[in-house]
Each structure stands twice: as C-alpha cells, then as structure tokens.
Amino acid sequence: MDMMTNINPKKERTKLTPEQLYEIYLECNAPNAPVKTILARHGLKPWDLVAIRKKVKAAAMEALANPGKPGRRQQTISVEQHQKVSQELSDAKDALSAVAHELALLKKRTS
C-alpha cells in the first residue's frame, strides 16, 4: 500500500468575506436554524461561530458606545494651524466689514 493514500488530505478553507460571515451569523441565529448544517456547508466549526459572535458583539458595543454623527469625521489639528485659520477668518471678516461700509457710503451718495 502506498504511504500517500493513508494521509488524510486537508480541506482547503476558502476565505470568507465579512459580509459572508455576517450572513452566516444571521442564518445561525434564526429560530430553529440547523446550525451544524449551516456551518458544515461553509466549512466552519462551532468554535468559528463562537468567534464570529464575539466579533459581532464587540463591534456592536463599539458602535453603540461611540455613536458617530453623519458627515465629516473630526480631526486633530495643531495649535499653529488653528491660529492661522483663525487669523484668516478675522481678516476676511474685517475685509467684508470694510466692503459693507463702503457700499453703505456709496448708497448714501447716490440717493
């Protein structure tokens, strides 16, 4: 007998995407779901489902603990950059105020 026939070939596990793992999680959490059959179909073991459940719980807890607002994420800027932008804003306000004052003077002259 050949030595190669006695060796059990390892199954190559395909890498599942996060979306696929989440679908498996949802399918396994359905009422009366045949969990062992679902896991076997995807080449997973029960401890894989335990790991998936832990990751889903951790992600949910993180999302609930830090509810983000829609829109741009906050970013940290240096003090110098803040001062520069504040100065630019102040200059822009002063320029707008001067233009508004000149416009008011022009309106008085024409009327």
PDB file of N, CA and C in Angstrom:
ATOM      1  N   MET A   1       0.839  -1.180   0.000  1.00  0.00           N
ATOM      2  CA  MET A   1       0.000   0.000   0.000  1.00  0.00           C
ATOM      3  C   MET A   1       0.885   1.245   0.000  1.00  0.00           C
ATOM      4  N   ASP A   2       0.497   2.189  -0.740  1.00  0.00           N
ATOM      5  CA  ASP A   2       1.267   3.415  -0.857  1.00  0.00           C
ATOM      6  C   ASP A   2       1.052   4.287   0.374  1.00  0.00           C
ATOM      7  N   MET A   3       2.106   4.913   0.869  1.00  0.00           N
ATOM      8  CA  MET A   3       2.015   5.759   2.059  1.00  0.00           C
ATOM      9  C   MET A   3       1.167   7.005   1.811  1.00  0.00           C
ATOM     10  N   MET A   4       1.100   7.447   0.591  1.00  0.00           N
ATOM     11  CA  MET A   4       0.365   8.662   0.282  1.00  0.00           C
ATOM     12  C   MET A   4      -1.149   8.463   0.417  1.00  0.00           C
ATOM     13  N   THR A   5      -1.649   7.252   0.252  1.00  0.00           N
ATOM     14  CA  THR A   5      -3.093   7.035   0.342  1.00  0.00           C
ATOM     15  C   THR A   5      -3.580   7.053   1.776  1.00  0.00           C
ATOM     16  N   ASN A   6      -2.708   6.844   2.754  1.00  0.00           N
ATOM     17  CA  ASN A   6      -3.117   6.820   4.150  1.00  0.00           C
ATOM     18  C   ASN A   6      -3.216   8.217   4.760  1.00  0.00           C
ATOM     19  N   ILE A   7      -2.627   9.174   4.104  1.00  0.00           N
ATOM     20  CA  ILE A   7      -2.638  10.534   4.640  1.00  0.00           C
ATOM     21  C   ILE A   7      -3.972  11.187   4.301  1.00  0.00           C
ATOM     22  N   ASN A   8      -4.591  11.791   5.303  1.00  0.00           N
ATOM     23  CA  ASN A   8      -5.857  12.487   5.091  1.00  0.00           C
ATOM     24  C   ASN A   8      -5.581  13.826   4.434  1.00  0.00           C
ATOM     25  N   PRO A   9      -6.162  14.072   3.287  1.00  0.00           N
ATOM     26  CA  PRO A   9      -5.942  15.373   2.653  1.00  0.00           C
ATOM     27  C   PRO A   9      -6.665  16.464   3.442  1.00  0.00           C
ATOM     28  N   LYS A  10      -5.974  17.563   3.644  1.00  0.00           N
ATOM     29  CA  LYS A  10      -6.597  18.685   4.360  1.00  0.00           C
ATOM     30  C   LYS A  10      -7.533  19.415   3.417  1.00  0.00           C
ATOM     31  N   LYS A  11      -8.658  19.787   3.951  1.00  0.00           N
ATOM     32  CA  LYS A  11      -9.580  20.600   3.168  1.00  0.00           C
ATOM     33  C   LYS A  11      -9.026  22.013   3.106  1.00  0.00           C
ATOM     34  N   GLU A  12      -9.046  22.563   1.931  1.00  0.00           N
ATOM     35  CA  GLU A  12      -8.627  23.953   1.804  1.00  0.00           C
ATOM     36  C   GLU A  12      -9.822  24.833   2.120  1.00  0.00           C
ATOM     37  N   ARG A  13      -9.674  25.676   3.136  1.00  0.00           N
ATOM     38  CA  ARG A  13     -10.760  26.559   3.527  1.00  0.00           C
ATOM     39  C   ARG A  13     -10.672  27.825   2.704  1.00  0.00           C
ATOM     40  N   THR A  14     -11.791  28.169   2.137  1.00  0.00           N
ATOM     41  CA  THR A  14     -11.825  29.424   1.393  1.00  0.00           C
ATOM     42  C   THR A  14     -12.017  30.559   2.382  1.00  0.00           C
ATOM     43  N   LYS A  15     -11.386  31.651   2.101  1.00  0.00           N
ATOM     44  CA  LYS A  15     -11.509  32.821   2.969  1.00  0.00           C
ATOM     45  C   LYS A  15     -12.860  33.473   2.727  1.00  0.00           C
ATOM     46  N   LEU A  16     -13.636  33.579   3.784  1.00  0.00           N
ATOM     47  CA  LEU A  16     -14.960  34.184   3.681  1.00  0.00           C
ATOM     48  C   LEU A  16     -14.854  35.682   3.923  1.00  0.00           C
ATOM     49  N   THR A  17     -15.651  36.432   3.196  1.00  0.00           N
ATOM     50  CA  THR A  17     -15.663  37.884   3.361  1.00  0.00           C
ATOM     51  C   THR A  17     -16.435  38.236   4.629  1.00  0.00           C
ATOM     52  N   PRO A  18     -16.237  39.436   5.155  1.00  0.00           N
ATOM     53  CA  PRO A  18     -17.006  39.856   6.328  1.00  0.00           C
ATOM     54  C   PRO A  18     -18.515  39.793   6.078  1.00  0.00           C
ATOM     55  N   GLU A  19     -18.948  40.113   4.854  1.00  0.00           N
ATOM     56  CA  GLU A  19     -20.374  40.052   4.536  1.00  0.00           C
ATOM     57  C   GLU A  19     -20.886  38.617   4.618  1.00  0.00           C
ATOM     58  N   GLN A  20     -20.082  37.682   4.104  1.00  0.00           N
ATOM     59  CA  GLN A  20     -20.474  36.278   4.156  1.00  0.00           C
ATOM     60  C   GLN A  20     -20.528  35.792   5.599  1.00  0.00           C
ATOM     61  N   LEU A  21     -19.554  36.177   6.398  1.00  0.00           N
ATOM     62  CA  LEU A  21     -19.548  35.776   7.805  1.00  0.00           C
ATOM     63  C   LEU A  21     -20.764  36.327   8.537  1.00  0.00           C
ATOM     64  N   TYR A  22     -21.131  37.556   8.233  1.00  0.00           N
ATOM     65  CA  TYR A  22     -22.297  38.149   8.883  1.00  0.00           C
ATOM     66  C   TYR A  22     -23.579  37.439   8.446  1.00  0.00           C
ATOM     67  N   GLU A  23     -23.650  37.066   7.175  1.00  0.00           N
ATOM     68  CA  GLU A  23     -24.822  36.317   6.695  1.00  0.00           C
ATOM     69  C   GLU A  23     -24.915  34.964   7.398  1.00  0.00           C
ATOM     70  N   ILE A  24     -23.785  34.305   7.590  1.00  0.00           N
ATOM     71  CA  ILE A  24     -23.763  33.028   8.316  1.00  0.00           C
ATOM     72  C   ILE A  24     -24.226  33.257   9.746  1.00  0.00           C
ATOM     73  N   TYR A  25     -23.749  34.316  10.367  1.00  0.00           N
ATOM     74  CA  TYR A  25     -24.158  34.669  11.737  1.00  0.00           C
ATOM     75  C   TYR A  25     -25.667  34.850  11.813  1.00  0.00           C
ATOM     76  N   LEU A  26     -26.228  35.610  10.874  1.00  0.00           N
ATOM     77  CA  LEU A  26     -27.671  35.842  10.878  1.00  0.00           C
ATOM     78  C   LEU A  26     -28.438  34.538  10.646  1.00  0.00           C
ATOM     79  N   GLU A  27     -27.940  33.731   9.725  1.00  0.00           N
ATOM     80  CA  GLU A  27     -28.608  32.468   9.406  1.00  0.00           C
ATOM     81  C   GLU A  27     -28.600  31.535  10.614  1.00  0.00           C
ATOM     82  N   CYS A  28     -27.494  31.500  11.340  1.00  0.00           N
ATOM     83  CA  CYS A  28     -27.389  30.638  12.517  1.00  0.00           C
ATOM     84  C   CYS A  28     -28.236  31.140  13.684  1.00  0.00           C
ATOM     85  N   ASN A  29     -28.507  32.427  13.726  1.00  0.00           N
ATOM     86  CA  ASN A  29     -29.305  32.993  14.824  1.00  0.00           C
ATOM     87  C   ASN A  29     -30.803  32.920  14.564  1.00  0.00           C
ATOM     88  N   ALA A  30     -31.191  32.469  13.393  1.00  0.00           N
ATOM     89  CA  ALA A  30     -32.621  32.332  13.101  1.00  0.00           C
ATOM     90  C   ALA A  30     -33.221  31.247  14.005  1.00  0.00           C
ATOM     91  N   PRO A  31     -34.501  31.406  14.363  1.00  0.00           N
ATOM     92  CA  PRO A  31     -35.141  30.388  15.211  1.00  0.00           C
ATOM     93  C   PRO A  31     -35.135  29.016  14.522  1.00  0.00           C
ATOM     94  N   ASN A  32     -34.807  27.997  15.289  1.00  0.00           N
ATOM     95  CA  ASN A  32     -34.777  26.604  14.827  1.00  0.00           C
ATOM     96  C   ASN A  32     -33.845  26.391  13.638  1.00  0.00           C
ATOM     97  N   ALA A  33     -32.794  27.168  13.548  1.00  0.00           N
ATOM     98  CA  ALA A  33     -31.842  27.025  12.453  1.00  0.00           C
ATOM     99  C   ALA A  33     -30.951  25.806  12.693  1.00  0.00           C
ATOM    100  N   PRO A  34     -30.685  25.015  11.658  1.00  0.00           N
ATOM    101  CA  PRO A  34     -29.775  23.871  11.798  1.00  0.00           C
ATOM    102  C   PRO A  34     -28.322  24.356  11.772  1.00  0.00           C
ATOM    103  N   VAL A  35     -27.834  24.807  12.908  1.00  0.00           N
ATOM    104  CA  VAL A  35     -26.540  25.476  12.999  1.00  0.00           C
ATOM    105  C   VAL A  35     -25.409  24.588  12.476  1.00  0.00           C
ATOM    106  N   LYS A  36     -25.403  23.325  12.887  1.00  0.00           N
ATOM    107  CA  LYS A  36     -24.317  22.427  12.469  1.00  0.00           C
ATOM    108  C   LYS A  36     -24.291  22.269  10.953  1.00  0.00           C
ATOM    109  N   THR A  37     -25.456  22.163  10.333  1.00  0.00           N
ATOM    110  CA  THR A  37     -25.553  22.024   8.881  1.00  0.00           C
ATOM    111  C   THR A  37     -25.080  23.296   8.181  1.00  0.00           C
ATOM    112  N   ILE A  38     -25.493  24.440   8.709  1.00  0.00           N
ATOM    113  CA  ILE A  38     -25.099  25.724   8.120  1.00  0.00           C
ATOM    114  C   ILE A  38     -23.581  25.885   8.177  1.00  0.00           C
ATOM    115  N   LEU A  39     -23.000  25.588   9.328  1.00  0.00           N
ATOM    116  CA  LEU A  39     -21.549  25.718   9.486  1.00  0.00           C
ATOM    117  C   LEU A  39     -20.803  24.736   8.585  1.00  0.00           C
ATOM    118  N   ALA A  40     -21.301  23.512   8.502  1.00  0.00           N
ATOM    119  CA  ALA A  40     -20.650  22.499   7.661  1.00  0.00           C
ATOM    120  C   ALA A  40     -20.683  22.905   6.188  1.00  0.00           C
ATOM    121  N   ARG A  41     -21.781  23.496   5.757  1.00  0.00           N
ATOM    122  CA  ARG A  41     -21.913  23.946   4.376  1.00  0.00           C
ATOM    123  C   ARG A  41     -20.828  24.961   4.012  1.00  0.00           C
ATOM    124  N   HIS A  42     -20.425  25.755   4.990  1.00  0.00           N
ATOM    125  CA  HIS A  42     -19.417  26.784   4.739  1.00  0.00           C
ATOM    126  C   HIS A  42     -18.022  26.363   5.204  1.00  0.00           C
ATOM    127  N   GLY A  43     -17.898  25.130   5.660  1.00  0.00           N
ATOM    128  CA  GLY A  43     -16.598  24.631   6.102  1.00  0.00           C
ATOM    129  C   GLY A  43     -16.157  25.207   7.423  1.00  0.00           C
ATOM    130  N   LEU A  44     -17.095  25.542   8.278  1.00  0.00           N
ATOM    131  CA  LEU A  44     -16.781  26.129   9.579  1.00  0.00           C
ATOM    132  C   LEU A  44     -17.080  25.148  10.696  1.00  0.00           C
ATOM    133  N   LYS A  45     -16.495  25.391  11.841  1.00  0.00           N
ATOM    134  CA  LYS A  45     -16.709  24.585  13.040  1.00  0.00           C
ATOM    135  C   LYS A  45     -17.465  25.444  14.060  1.00  0.00           C
ATOM    136  N   PRO A  46     -18.036  24.810  15.086  1.00  0.00           N
ATOM    137  CA  PRO A  46     -18.783  25.575  16.096  1.00  0.00           C
ATOM    138  C   PRO A  46     -17.964  26.681  16.755  1.00  0.00           C
ATOM    139  N   TRP A  47     -16.684  26.449  16.971  1.00  0.00           N
ATOM    140  CA  TRP A  47     -15.863  27.483  17.609  1.00  0.00           C
ATOM    141  C   TRP A  47     -15.645  28.681  16.681  1.00  0.00           C
ATOM    142  N   ASP A  48     -15.778  28.431  15.381  1.00  0.00           N
ATOM    143  CA  ASP A  48     -15.726  29.563  14.444  1.00  0.00           C
ATOM    144  C   ASP A  48     -16.934  30.476  14.650  1.00  0.00           C
ATOM    145  N   LEU A  49     -18.105  29.861  14.873  1.00  0.00           N
ATOM    146  CA  LEU A  49     -19.310  30.652  15.125  1.00  0.00           C
ATOM    147  C   LEU A  49     -19.186  31.419  16.436  1.00  0.00           C
ATOM    148  N   VAL A  50     -18.569  30.802  17.431  1.00  0.00           N
ATOM    149  CA  VAL A  50     -18.352  31.495  18.713  1.00  0.00           C
ATOM    150  C   VAL A  50     -17.478  32.729  18.483  1.00  0.00           C
ATOM    151  N   ALA A  51     -16.432  32.588  17.672  1.00  0.00           N
ATOM    152  CA  ALA A  51     -15.541  33.719  17.385  1.00  0.00           C
ATOM    153  C   ALA A  51     -16.284  34.805  16.614  1.00  0.00           C
ATOM    154  N   ILE A  52     -17.127  34.399  15.662  1.00  0.00           N
ATOM    155  CA  ILE A  52     -17.911  35.370  14.894  1.00  0.00           C
ATOM    156  C   ILE A  52     -18.849  36.125  15.818  1.00  0.00           C
ATOM    157  N   ARG A  53     -19.504  35.412  16.710  1.00  0.00           N
ATOM    158  CA  ARG A  53     -20.440  36.065  17.658  1.00  0.00           C
ATOM    159  C   ARG A  53     -19.712  37.065  18.543  1.00  0.00           C
ATOM    160  N   LYS A  54     -18.517  36.707  18.998  1.00  0.00           N
ATOM    161  CA  LYS A  54     -17.740  37.634  19.841  1.00  0.00           C
ATOM    162  C   LYS A  54     -17.379  38.898  19.067  1.00  0.00           C
ATOM    163  N   LYS A  55     -16.974  38.730  17.802  1.00  0.00           N
ATOM    164  CA  LYS A  55     -16.609  39.891  16.988  1.00  0.00           C
ATOM    165  C   LYS A  55     -17.815  40.777  16.710  1.00  0.00           C
ATOM    166  N   VAL A  56     -18.969  40.169  16.433  1.00  0.00           N
ATOM    167  CA  VAL A  56     -20.181  40.941  16.172  1.00  0.00           C
ATOM    168  C   VAL A  56     -20.574  41.718  17.422  1.00  0.00           C
ATOM    169  N   LYS A  57     -20.490  41.056  18.575  1.00  0.00           N
ATOM    170  CA  LYS A  57     -20.839  41.734  19.832  1.00  0.00           C
ATOM    171  C   LYS A  57     -19.879  42.890  20.116  1.00  0.00           C
ATOM    172  N   ALA A  58     -18.578  42.660  19.915  1.00  0.00           N
ATOM    173  CA  ALA A  58     -17.591  43.716  20.165  1.00  0.00           C
ATOM    174  C   ALA A  58     -17.815  44.901  19.232  1.00  0.00           C
ATOM    175  N   ALA A  59     -18.108  44.621  17.961  1.00  0.00           N
ATOM    176  CA  ALA A  59     -18.346  45.706  17.003  1.00  0.00           C
ATOM    177  C   ALA A  59     -19.618  46.470  17.349  1.00  0.00           C
ATOM    178  N   ALA A  60     -20.643  45.756  17.775  1.00  0.00           N
ATOM    179  CA  ALA A  60     -21.895  46.415  18.155  1.00  0.00           C
ATOM    180  C   ALA A  60     -21.698  47.285  19.389  1.00  0.00           C
ATOM    181  N   MET A  61     -20.972  46.782  20.364  1.00  0.00           N
ATOM    182  CA  MET A  61     -20.720  47.552  21.586  1.00  0.00           C
ATOM    183  C   MET A  61     -19.909  48.806  21.260  1.00  0.00           C
ATOM    184  N   GLU A  62     -18.944  48.677  20.387  1.00  0.00           N
ATOM    185  CA  GLU A  62     -18.126  49.832  19.976  1.00  0.00           C
ATOM    186  C   GLU A  62     -18.986  50.878  19.266  1.00  0.00           C
ATOM    187  N   ALA A  63     -19.839  50.413  18.367  1.00  0.00           N
ATOM    188  CA  ALA A  63     -20.693  51.344  17.620  1.00  0.00           C
ATOM    189  C   ALA A  63     -21.696  52.025  18.535  1.00  0.00           C
ATOM    190  N   LEU A  64     -22.216  51.304  19.507  1.00  0.00           N
ATOM    191  CA  LEU A  64     -23.193  51.897  20.425  1.00  0.00           C
ATOM    192  C   LEU A  64     -22.532  52.814  21.450  1.00  0.00           C
ATOM    193  N   ALA A  65     -21.312  52.517  21.813  1.00  0.00           N
ATOM    194  CA  ALA A  65     -20.602  53.352  22.786  1.00  0.00           C
ATOM    195  C   ALA A  65     -20.135  54.660  22.173  1.00  0.00           C
ATOM    196  N   ASN A  66     -19.860  54.645  20.880  1.00  0.00           N
ATOM    197  CA  ASN A  66     -19.356  55.838  20.198  1.00  0.00           C
ATOM    198  C   ASN A  66     -20.239  56.162  18.999  1.00  0.00           C
ATOM    199  N   PRO A  67     -21.454  56.621  19.268  1.00  0.00           N
ATOM    200  CA  PRO A  67     -22.315  56.917  18.119  1.00  0.00           C
ATOM    201  C   PRO A  67     -21.775  58.113  17.357  1.00  0.00           C
ATOM    202  N   GLY A  68     -21.525  57.907  16.111  1.00  0.00           N
ATOM    203  CA  GLY A  68     -20.967  58.980  15.298  1.00  0.00           C
ATOM    204  C   GLY A  68     -22.059  59.805  14.665  1.00  0.00           C
ATOM    205  N   LYS A  69     -21.720  61.019  14.396  1.00  0.00           N
ATOM    206  CA  LYS A  69     -22.647  61.892  13.685  1.00  0.00           C
ATOM    207  C   LYS A  69     -22.369  61.754  12.196  1.00  0.00           C
ATOM    208  N   PRO A  70     -23.397  61.843  11.382  1.00  0.00           N
ATOM    209  CA  PRO A  70     -23.134  61.761   9.948  1.00  0.00           C
ATOM    210  C   PRO A  70     -22.341  62.977   9.491  1.00  0.00           C
ATOM    211  N   GLY A  71     -21.531  62.759   8.496  1.00  0.00           N
ATOM    212  CA  GLY A  71     -20.731  63.862   7.975  1.00  0.00           C
ATOM    213  C   GLY A  71     -19.259  63.607   8.146  1.00  0.00           C
ATOM    214  N   ARG A  72     -18.512  64.677   8.127  1.00  0.00           N
ATOM    215  CA  ARG A  72     -17.061  64.578   8.174  1.00  0.00           C
ATOM    216  C   ARG A  72     -16.600  64.168   9.571  1.00  0.00           C
ATOM    217  N   ARG A  73     -15.598  63.325   9.625  1.00  0.00           N
ATOM    218  CA  ARG A  73     -15.039  62.920  10.916  1.00  0.00           C
ATOM    219  C   ARG A  73     -14.172  64.028  11.479  1.00  0.00           C
ATOM    220  N   GLN A  74     -14.135  64.107  12.794  1.00  0.00           N
ATOM    221  CA  GLN A  74     -13.302  65.109  13.436  1.00  0.00           C
ATOM    222  C   GLN A  74     -11.847  64.737  13.247  1.00  0.00           C
ATOM    223  N   GLN A  75     -11.009  65.759  13.123  1.00  0.00           N
ATOM    224  CA  GLN A  75      -9.587  65.514  13.015  1.00  0.00           C
ATOM    225  C   GLN A  75      -8.852  66.486  13.922  1.00  0.00           C
ATOM    226  N   THR A  76      -7.727  66.076  14.388  1.00  0.00           N
ATOM    227  CA  THR A  76      -6.918  66.894  15.278  1.00  0.00           C
ATOM    228  C   THR A  76      -5.993  67.761  14.439  1.00  0.00           C
ATOM    229  N   ILE A  77      -5.949  69.046  14.799  1.00  0.00           N
ATOM    230  CA  ILE A  77      -5.052  69.962  14.098  1.00  0.00           C
ATOM    231  C   ILE A  77      -4.127  70.613  15.114  1.00  0.00           C
ATOM    232  N   SER A  78      -3.011  71.141  14.631  1.00  0.00           N
ATOM    233  CA  SER A  78      -2.045  71.766  15.531  1.00  0.00           C
ATOM    234  C   SER A  78      -2.541  73.151  15.953  1.00  0.00           C
ATOM    235  N   VAL A  79      -1.980  73.650  17.030  1.00  0.00           N
ATOM    236  CA  VAL A  79      -2.336  74.971  17.542  1.00  0.00           C
ATOM    237  C   VAL A  79      -1.980  76.042  16.515  1.00  0.00           C
ATOM    238  N   GLU A  80      -0.822  75.884  15.867  1.00  0.00           N
ATOM    239  CA  GLU A  80      -0.382  76.864  14.875  1.00  0.00           C
ATOM    240  C   GLU A  80      -1.365  76.933  13.710  1.00  0.00           C
ATOM    241  N   GLN A  81      -1.808  75.766  13.261  1.00  0.00           N
ATOM    242  CA  GLN A  81      -2.751  75.724  12.153  1.00  0.00           C
ATOM    243  C   GLN A  81      -4.077  76.379  12.557  1.00  0.00           C
ATOM    244  N   HIS A  82      -4.507  76.140  13.784  1.00  0.00           N
ATOM    245  CA  HIS A  82      -5.746  76.747  14.273  1.00  0.00           C
ATOM    246  C   HIS A  82      -5.608  78.269  14.325  1.00  0.00           C
ATOM    247  N   GLN A  83      -4.474  78.735  14.834  1.00  0.00           N
ATOM    248  CA  GLN A  83      -4.254  80.180  14.922  1.00  0.00           C
ATOM    249  C   GLN A  83      -4.213  80.813  13.536  1.00  0.00           C
ATOM    250  N   LYS A  84      -3.589  80.138  12.577  1.00  0.00           N
ATOM    251  CA  LYS A  84      -3.507  80.651  11.214  1.00  0.00           C
ATOM    252  C   LYS A  84      -4.903  80.774  10.603  1.00  0.00           C
ATOM    253  N   VAL A  85      -5.722  79.749  10.757  1.00  0.00           N
ATOM    254  CA  VAL A  85      -7.075  79.772  10.196  1.00  0.00           C
ATOM    255  C   VAL A  85      -7.924  80.818  10.912  1.00  0.00           C
ATOM    256  N   SER A  86      -7.748  80.945  12.221  1.00  0.00           N
ATOM    257  CA  SER A  86      -8.489  81.969  12.972  1.00  0.00           C
ATOM    258  C   SER A  86      -8.112  83.363  12.492  1.00  0.00           C
ATOM    259  N   GLN A  87      -6.827  83.590  12.218  1.00  0.00           N
ATOM    260  CA  GLN A  87      -6.374  84.888  11.716  1.00  0.00           C
ATOM    261  C   GLN A  87      -6.950  85.166  10.332  1.00  0.00           C
ATOM    262  N   GLU A  88      -6.963  84.151   9.458  1.00  0.00           N
ATOM    263  CA  GLU A  88      -7.551  84.305   8.128  1.00  0.00           C
ATOM    264  C   GLU A  88      -9.029  84.646   8.226  1.00  0.00           C
ATOM    265  N   LEU A  89      -9.730  84.008   9.153  1.00  0.00           N
ATOM    266  CA  LEU A  89     -11.149  84.292   9.350  1.00  0.00           C
ATOM    267  C   LEU A  89     -11.350  85.724   9.823  1.00  0.00           C
ATOM    268  N   SER A  90     -10.527  86.146  10.756  1.00  0.00           N
ATOM    269  CA  SER A  90     -10.611  87.514  11.263  1.00  0.00           C
ATOM    270  C   SER A  90     -10.351  88.531  10.145  1.00  0.00           C
ATOM    271  N   ASP A  91      -9.333  88.267   9.306  1.00  0.00           N
ATOM    272  CA  ASP A  91      -9.028  89.155   8.188  1.00  0.00           C
ATOM    273  C   ASP A  91     -10.189  89.206   7.196  1.00  0.00           C
ATOM    274  N   ALA A  92     -10.794  88.055   6.934  1.00  0.00           N
ATOM    275  CA  ALA A  92     -11.918  88.005   6.000  1.00  0.00           C
ATOM    276  C   ALA A  92     -13.111  88.787   6.551  1.00  0.00           C
ATOM    277  N   LYS A  93     -13.337  88.666   7.854  1.00  0.00           N
ATOM    278  CA  LYS A  93     -14.440  89.421   8.467  1.00  0.00           C
ATOM    279  C   LYS A  93     -14.192  90.921   8.376  1.00  0.00           C
ATOM    280  N   ASP A  94     -12.947  91.328   8.638  1.00  0.00           N
ATOM    281  CA  ASP A  94     -12.600  92.751   8.556  1.00  0.00           C
ATOM    282  C   ASP A  94     -12.786  93.272   7.130  1.00  0.00           C
ATOM    283  N   ALA A  95     -12.348  92.496   6.146  1.00  0.00           N
ATOM    284  CA  ALA A  95     -12.483  92.909   4.749  1.00  0.00           C
ATOM    285  C   ALA A  95     -13.955  93.010   4.364  1.00  0.00           C
ATOM    286  N   LEU A  96     -14.758  92.068   4.789  1.00  0.00           N
ATOM    287  CA  LEU A  96     -16.184  92.102   4.485  1.00  0.00           C
ATOM    288  C   LEU A  96     -16.841  93.313   5.148  1.00  0.00           C
ATOM    289  N   SER A  97     -16.436  93.595   6.357  1.00  0.00           N
ATOM    290  CA  SER A  97     -16.975  94.758   7.064  1.00  0.00           C
ATOM    291  C   SER A  97     -16.614  96.051   6.328  1.00  0.00           C
ATOM    292  N   ALA A  98     -15.379  96.159   5.843  1.00  0.00           N
ATOM    293  CA  ALA A  98     -14.944  97.350   5.113  1.00  0.00           C
ATOM    294  C   ALA A  98     -15.717  97.505   3.815  1.00  0.00           C
ATOM    295  N   VAL A  99     -15.932  96.397   3.100  1.00  0.00           N
ATOM    296  CA  VAL A  99     -16.687  96.454   1.847  1.00  0.00           C
ATOM    297  C   VAL A  99     -18.136  96.856   2.117  1.00  0.00           C
ATOM    298  N   ALA A 100     -18.711  96.329   3.181  1.00  0.00           N
ATOM    299  CA  ALA A 100     -20.088  96.681   3.524  1.00  0.00           C
ATOM    300  C   ALA A 100     -20.189  98.163   3.881  1.00  0.00           C
ATOM    301  N   HIS A 101     -19.186  98.684   4.588  1.00  0.00           N
ATOM    302  CA  HIS A 101     -19.176 100.105   4.950  1.00  0.00           C
ATOM    303  C   HIS A 101     -19.072 100.978   3.696  1.00  0.00           C
ATOM    304  N   GLU A 102     -18.192 100.604   2.761  1.00  0.00           N
ATOM    305  CA  GLU A 102     -18.058 101.351   1.511  1.00  0.00           C
ATOM    306  C   GLU A 102     -19.347 101.303   0.702  1.00  0.00           C
ATOM    307  N   LEU A 103     -20.006 100.165   0.685  1.00  0.00           N
ATOM    308  CA  LEU A 103     -21.267 100.031  -0.042  1.00  0.00           C
ATOM    309  C   LEU A 103     -22.325 100.947   0.569  1.00  0.00           C
ATOM    310  N   ALA A 104     -22.362 101.001   1.890  1.00  0.00           N
ATOM    311  CA  ALA A 104     -23.320 101.891   2.567  1.00  0.00           C
ATOM    312  C   ALA A 104     -23.043 103.354   2.215  1.00  0.00           C
ATOM    313  N   LEU A 105     -21.774 103.728   2.168  1.00  0.00           N
ATOM    314  CA  LEU A 105     -21.409 105.107   1.801  1.00  0.00           C
ATOM    315  C   LEU A 105     -21.806 105.419   0.365  1.00  0.00           C
ATOM    316  N   LEU A 106     -21.586 104.461  -0.530  1.00  0.00           N
ATOM    317  CA  LEU A 106     -21.949 104.666  -1.948  1.00  0.00           C
ATOM    318  C   LEU A 106     -23.459 104.817  -2.104  1.00  0.00           C
ATOM    319  N   LYS A 107     -24.210 104.057  -1.367  1.00  0.00           N
ATOM    320  CA  LYS A 107     -25.675 104.149  -1.442  1.00  0.00           C
ATOM    321  C   LYS A 107     -26.148 105.503  -0.970  1.00  0.00           C
ATOM    322  N   LYS A 108     -25.487 106.056   0.061  1.00  0.00           N
ATOM    323  CA  LYS A 108     -25.874 107.366   0.557  1.00  0.00           C
ATOM    324  C   LYS A 108     -25.592 108.453  -0.476  1.00  0.00           C
ATOM    325  N   ARG A 109     -24.479 108.347  -1.202  1.00  0.00           N
ATOM    326  CA  ARG A 109     -24.112 109.341  -2.202  1.00  0.00           C
ATOM    327  C   ARG A 109     -25.065 109.324  -3.394  1.00  0.00           C
ATOM    328  N   THR A 110     -25.519 108.135  -3.773  1.00  0.00           N
ATOM    329  CA  THR A 110     -26.382 108.033  -4.955  1.00  0.00           C
ATOM    330  C   THR A 110     -27.820 108.380  -4.643  1.00  0.00           C
ATOM    331  N   SER A 111     -28.199 108.378  -3.423  1.00  0.00           N
ATOM    332  CA  SER A 111     -29.615 108.676  -3.126  1.00  0.00           C
ATOM    333  C   SER A 111     -29.867 110.106  -2.747  1.00  0.00           C
TER     334      SER A 111
END
